[in-house]
C-alpha atoms as a PDB file:
ATOM      1  CA  MET A   1       0.063  -0.212  -0.078  1.00  0.00           C
ATOM      2  CA  THR A   2       1.162   3.501  -0.790  1.00  0.00           C
ATOM      3  CA  PRO A   3       0.872   6.354   1.564  1.00  0.00           C
ATOM      4  CA  VAL A   4      -1.139   8.312  -0.860  1.00  0.00           C
ATOM      5  CA  PRO A   5      -4.484   7.754   0.576  1.00  0.00           C
ATOM      6  CA  SER A   6      -3.440   8.547   4.151  1.00  0.00           C
ATOM      7  CA  LEU A   7      -1.789  11.808   2.667  1.00  0.00           C
ATOM      8  CA  ILE A   8      -4.973  12.725   0.873  1.00  0.00           C
ATOM      9  CA  PHE A   9      -7.156  12.294   3.931  1.00  0.00           C
ATOM     10  CA  THR A  10      -4.479  14.337   6.180  1.00  0.00           C
ATOM     11  CA  CYS A  11      -4.477  17.031   3.491  1.00  0.00           C
ATOM     12  CA  VAL A  12      -8.174  17.396   3.381  1.00  0.00           C
ATOM     13  CA  ALA A  13      -8.524  17.222   7.227  1.00  0.00           C
ATOM     14  CA  SER A  14      -5.726  19.973   7.534  1.00  0.00           C
ATOM     15  CA  LEU A  15      -7.628  22.271   5.063  1.00  0.00           C
ATOM     16  CA  ALA A  16     -10.742  21.792   6.774  1.00  0.00           C
ATOM     17  CA  MET A  17      -9.133  22.701   9.990  1.00  0.00           C
ATOM     18  CA  LEU A  18      -7.877  25.857   8.714  1.00  0.00           C
ATOM     19  CA  LEU A  19     -11.351  27.074   8.342  1.00  0.00           C
ATOM     20  CA  VAL A  20     -11.411  27.378  12.177  1.00  0.00           C
ATOM     21  CA  SER A  21     -10.073  30.661  13.191  1.00  0.00           C
ATOM     22  CA  ASP A  22      -8.853  29.595  16.730  1.00  0.00           C
ATOM     23  CA  VAL A  23      -6.241  26.797  17.007  1.00  0.00           C
ATOM     24  CA  PHE A  24      -7.026  26.444  20.588  1.00  0.00           C
ATOM     25  CA  VAL A  25     -10.761  25.414  19.803  1.00  0.00           C
ATOM     26  CA  LEU A  26      -9.348  22.610  17.691  1.00  0.00           C
ATOM     27  CA  ILE A  27      -7.148  21.441  20.548  1.00  0.00           C
ATOM     28  CA  ASN A  28      -9.830  21.523  22.836  1.00  0.00           C
ATOM     29  CA  TYR A  29     -12.178  19.297  20.418  1.00  0.00           C
ATOM     30  CA  TYR A  30      -9.317  16.895  19.860  1.00  0.00           C
ATOM     31  CA  SER A  31      -8.300  16.586  23.506  1.00  0.00           C
ATOM     32  CA  GLN A  32     -11.650  16.110  24.919  1.00  0.00           C
ATOM     33  CA  ILE A  33     -12.609  13.396  22.230  1.00  0.00           C
ATOM     34  CA  LEU A  34      -9.068  11.772  22.712  1.00  0.00           C
ATOM     35  CA  TRP A  35      -9.577  11.600  26.462  1.00  0.00           C
ATOM     36  CA  LEU A  36     -13.116  10.278  26.183  1.00  0.00           C
ATOM     37  CA  SER A  37     -11.918   7.579  23.936  1.00  0.00           C
ATOM     38  CA  VAL A  38      -9.164   6.542  26.307  1.00  0.00           C
ATOM     39  CA  ALA A  39     -11.588   6.762  29.161  1.00  0.00           C
ATOM     40  CA  ALA A  40     -13.724   4.197  27.213  1.00  0.00           C
ATOM     41  CA  SER A  41     -10.911   1.968  26.532  1.00  0.00           C
ATOM     42  CA  ILE A  42      -9.895   1.742  30.024  1.00  0.00           C
ATOM     43  CA  GLY A  43     -13.582   1.263  31.245  1.00  0.00           C
ATOM     44  CA  GLY A  44     -13.779  -1.576  28.785  1.00  0.00           C
ATOM     45  CA  MET A  45     -10.616  -2.905  30.224  1.00  0.00           C
ATOM     46  CA  LEU A  46     -12.109  -2.710  33.745  1.00  0.00           C
ATOM     47  CA  TRP A  47     -15.295  -4.233  32.492  1.00  0.00           C
ATOM     48  CA  LEU A  48     -13.650  -7.187  30.991  1.00  0.00           C
ATOM     49  CA  ARG A  49     -11.550  -7.554  34.293  1.00  0.00           C
ATOM     50  CA  TYR A  50     -14.672  -7.872  36.190  1.00  0.00           C
ATOM     51  CA  LYS A  51     -16.741 -10.099  33.786  1.00  0.00           C
ATOM     52  CA  GLN A  52     -13.987 -12.273  32.725  1.00  0.00           C
ATOM     53  CA  PRO A  53     -11.495 -12.513  35.560  1.00  0.00           C
ATOM     54  CA  ASP A  54      -9.898 -15.580  34.376  1.00  0.00           C
ATOM     55  CA  MET A  55      -9.237 -14.358  30.904  1.00  0.00           C
ATOM     56  CA  PRO A  56      -5.412 -14.282  29.830  1.00  0.00           C
ATOM     57  CA  ARG A  57      -3.893 -10.814  29.985  1.00  0.00           C
ATOM     58  CA  PRO A  58      -0.543  -9.800  28.661  1.00  0.00           C
ATOM     59  CA  ILE A  59       0.008  -7.081  31.293  1.00  0.00           C
ATOM     60  CA  LYS A  60      -1.364  -7.337  34.861  1.00  0.00           C
ATOM     61  CA  THR A  61      -1.447  -4.404  37.140  1.00  0.00           C
ATOM     62  CA  ASN A  62      -3.003  -3.275  40.391  1.00  0.00           C
ATOM     63  CA  ILE A  63      -6.648  -2.378  39.997  1.00  0.00           C
ATOM     64  CA  ILE A  64      -5.916   1.033  41.403  1.00  0.00           C
ATOM     65  CA  ILE A  65      -3.726   2.273  38.497  1.00  0.00           C
ATOM     66  CA  PRO A  66      -6.523   1.954  35.931  1.00  0.00           C
ATOM     67  CA  LEU A  67      -8.910   3.394  38.308  1.00  0.00           C
ATOM     68  CA  LEU A  68      -6.687   6.492  38.962  1.00  0.00           C
ATOM     69  CA  PHE A  69      -6.088   6.747  35.199  1.00  0.00           C
ATOM     70  CA  LEU A  70      -9.901   6.421  34.612  1.00  0.00           C
ATOM     71  CA  ALA A  71     -10.486   9.324  37.056  1.00  0.00           C
ATOM     72  CA  ALA A  72      -8.022  11.579  35.504  1.00  0.00           C
ATOM     73  CA  CYS A  73      -9.544  10.810  32.048  1.00  0.00           C
ATOM     74  CA  ALA A  74     -12.958  11.801  33.478  1.00  0.00           C
ATOM     75  CA  PHE A  75     -11.596  14.840  34.937  1.00  0.00           C
ATOM     76  CA  LEU A  76     -10.094  15.872  31.745  1.00  0.00           C
ATOM     77  CA  VAL A  77     -13.283  15.300  29.756  1.00  0.00           C
ATOM     78  CA  LEU A  78     -15.677  16.808  32.425  1.00  0.00           C
ATOM     79  CA  PHE A  79     -13.702  19.900  33.737  1.00  0.00           C
ATOM     80  CA  PRO A  80     -14.197  21.887  30.624  1.00  0.00           C
ATOM     81  CA  ILE A  81     -17.859  21.327  30.105  1.00  0.00           C
ATOM     82  CA  PRO A  82     -19.107  24.036  32.553  1.00  0.00           C
ATOM     83  CA  THR A  83     -16.743  26.621  31.300  1.00  0.00           C
ATOM     84  CA  GLN A  84     -17.024  25.749  27.585  1.00  0.00           C
ATOM     85  CA  PRO A  85     -20.667  24.521  26.975  1.00  0.00           C
ATOM     86  CA  VAL A  86     -20.775  25.555  23.157  1.00  0.00           C
ATOM     87  CA  ASN A  87     -17.491  23.573  22.551  1.00  0.00           C
ATOM     88  CA  THR A  88     -18.777  20.658  24.480  1.00  0.00           C
ATOM     89  CA  VAL A  89     -22.057  20.549  22.417  1.00  0.00           C
ATOM     90  CA  ILE A  90     -19.802  20.688  19.353  1.00  0.00           C
ATOM     91  CA  TRP A  91     -17.546  18.000  20.121  1.00  0.00           C
ATOM     92  CA  VAL A  92     -20.244  15.660  21.439  1.00  0.00           C
ATOM     93  CA  SER A  93     -22.055  16.268  18.361  1.00  0.00           C
ATOM     94  CA  ILE A  94     -18.936  15.504  16.288  1.00  0.00           C
ATOM     95  CA  THR A  95     -18.456  12.217  18.176  1.00  0.00           C
ATOM     96  CA  LEU A  96     -22.129  11.157  17.926  1.00  0.00           C
ATOM     97  CA  SER A  97     -22.134  11.876  14.166  1.00  0.00           C
ATOM     98  CA  GLY A  98     -20.375   8.559  13.721  1.00  0.00           C
ATOM     99  CA  ILE A  99     -23.383   6.570  15.256  1.00  0.00           C
ATOM    100  CA  PRO A 100     -25.633   7.127  12.182  1.00  0.00           C
ATOM    101  CA  VAL A 101     -22.895   6.405   9.725  1.00  0.00           C
ATOM    102  CA  TYR A 102     -22.106   3.052  11.470  1.00  0.00           C
ATOM    103  CA  TYR A 103     -25.710   1.934  11.732  1.00  0.00           C
ATOM    104  CA  LEU A 104     -26.429   2.830   7.887  1.00  0.00           C
ATOM    105  CA  CYS A 105     -23.045   1.390   6.605  1.00  0.00           C
ATOM    106  CA  ILE A 106     -21.781  -1.372   8.772  1.00  0.00           C
ATOM    107  CA  HIS A 107     -24.547  -2.634  11.236  1.00  0.00           C
ATOM    108  CA  ASN A 108     -27.373  -2.607   8.658  1.00  0.00           C
ATOM    109  CA  LYS A 109     -27.176  -6.180   6.773  1.00  0.00           C
ATOM    110  CA  SER A 110     -30.273  -5.708   4.530  1.00  0.00           C
ATOM    111  CA  LYS A 111     -28.715  -3.332   2.167  1.00  0.00           C
ATOM    112  CA  PRO A 112     -29.573  -3.811  -1.441  1.00  0.00           C
ATOM    113  CA  LYS A 113     -27.341  -5.437  -3.886  1.00  0.00           C
ATOM    114  CA  LYS A 114     -26.842  -2.052  -5.769  1.00  0.00           C
ATOM    115  CA  TYR A 115     -25.322  -0.626  -2.653  1.00  0.00           C
ATOM    116  CA  TYR A 116     -22.645  -3.285  -2.327  1.00  0.00           C
ATOM    117  CA  ARG A 117     -21.935  -2.899  -6.268  1.00  0.00           C
ATOM    118  CA  GLY A 118     -21.671   1.003  -5.789  1.00  0.00           C
ATOM    119  CA  VAL A 119     -19.354   0.721  -2.844  1.00  0.00           C
ATOM    120  CA  GLN A 120     -17.263  -1.700  -4.669  1.00  0.00           C
ATOM    121  CA  LYS A 121     -16.863   0.406  -7.797  1.00  0.00           C
ATOM    122  CA  ILE A 122     -16.103   3.323  -5.659  1.00  0.00           C
ATOM    123  CA  THR A 123     -13.522   1.481  -3.652  1.00  0.00           C
ATOM    124  CA  GLU A 124     -11.916   0.108  -6.947  1.00  0.00           C
ATOM    125  CA  ALA A 125     -11.930   3.599  -8.551  1.00  0.00           C
ATOM    126  CA  LEU A 126     -10.153   5.111  -5.661  1.00  0.00           C
ATOM    127  CA  GLN A 127      -7.621   2.244  -5.434  1.00  0.00           C
ATOM    128  CA  THR A 128      -6.840   2.662  -9.078  1.00  0.00           C
ATOM    129  CA  LEU A 129      -6.699   6.593  -8.704  1.00  0.00           C
ATOM    130  CA  MET A 130      -4.270   6.270  -5.681  1.00  0.00           C
ATOM    131  CA  GLU A 131      -2.468   3.427  -7.298  1.00  0.00           C
ATOM    132  CA  VAL A 132      -2.901   0.808  -4.403  1.00  0.00           C
ATOM    133  CA  THR A 133      -3.910  -2.077  -6.751  1.00  0.00           C
ATOM    134  CA  PHE A 134      -2.804  -3.223 -10.263  1.00  0.00           C
ATOM    135  CA  PRO A 135      -5.082  -2.353 -12.950  1.00  0.00           C
ATOM    136  CA  GLU A 136      -5.563  -5.743 -14.274  1.00  0.00           C
ATOM    137  CA  GLU A 137      -7.099  -6.920 -10.993  1.00  0.00           C
ATOM    138  CA  ILE A 138      -9.484  -3.982 -11.361  1.00  0.00           C
ATOM    139  CA  ASN A 139     -10.722  -4.706 -14.849  1.00  0.00           C
ATOM    140  CA  GLN A 140     -11.050  -8.513 -13.843  1.00  0.00           C
ATOM    141  CA  LYS A 141     -13.263  -7.586 -10.752  1.00  0.00           C
ATOM    142  CA  LEU A 142     -15.261  -4.994 -12.777  1.00  0.00           C
ATOM    143  CA  SER A 143     -15.934  -7.653 -15.487  1.00  0.00           C
ATOM    144  CA  ASP A 144     -17.261 -10.104 -12.727  1.00  0.00           C
ATOM    145  CA  ILE A 145     -19.956  -7.525 -11.471  1.00  0.00           C
END
């Protein structure tokens, strides 16, 4: 795989970030979403530790360490909420915007056949454009559809 797709995504994301006039707002959005994700990961680890205590784990630590880390993450997520309610609504909206996309594109198993063909054609066109597959493979796959 070439780095072209990731470079294009990074370029588009960077250009979109230029539309925001205050860089500290971007830092706030990113940091709150990041710490919320980290807290969810730690919470999941604690949940598995409670529900499946005999599950093999590569690293074993005292329960106090993840609990303290979870508390620190919660502080970093919750502390800015009273002082920046508008920013909080925006980052929560950004985070929750992934839920409908997940349910429409991933979770929903009863999609029409045209949907899969369309996604396949878009994927193959982007792969050809970004030179991540050989053109012969694309032509063979397109003729199979």
